[in-house]
Amino acid sequence: QEIKFQGGGGVFPHPDGDMTPANFINTAGTINSSGGGGNPTVSGNWYDGPTANRDGTGGLIDGGDNFGGGGFFTGFWLTVGDPDKNFENADLSNAIFVGSWFTNNTKFSMTSGTSGNMVCP
């Protein structure tokens, strides 16, 4: 099963809820993304650009730029790859991770604007 986010799409915690990028897990065979759209308007700075602190606070890191839209992968992602393609993952274009990605894929590619914020549990 492949999950694809594009054009600023993704999974985002509700601003009044208890879920944060640090406390939920997603599973998929593979993940995929493409650019376009804008950044979501949600609480916390995780979705603006690379932040100074791993809890999404502190503004952008020195020299950091805002993310430019794409597919937002929030939380902790666990993937195994596509068994029909030697357990490879699709190429990620403008994938923005707000959390962490754990995989045993045999091959993956991160191109053109793939970036993110690592979030500790």
Foldseek 3Di string as FASTA:
>chain_A
DEAEFFQQDEDADAQPDDDFLADDEDEDQAYEKAYHHAHDDHPAQQRFWAAPDQVRDHDHDVVIHGQGGMYEYGHEYEHEADVVVQRAYEEYASYEYSAYYDYPRPYYHYDHRYYGGHHHD
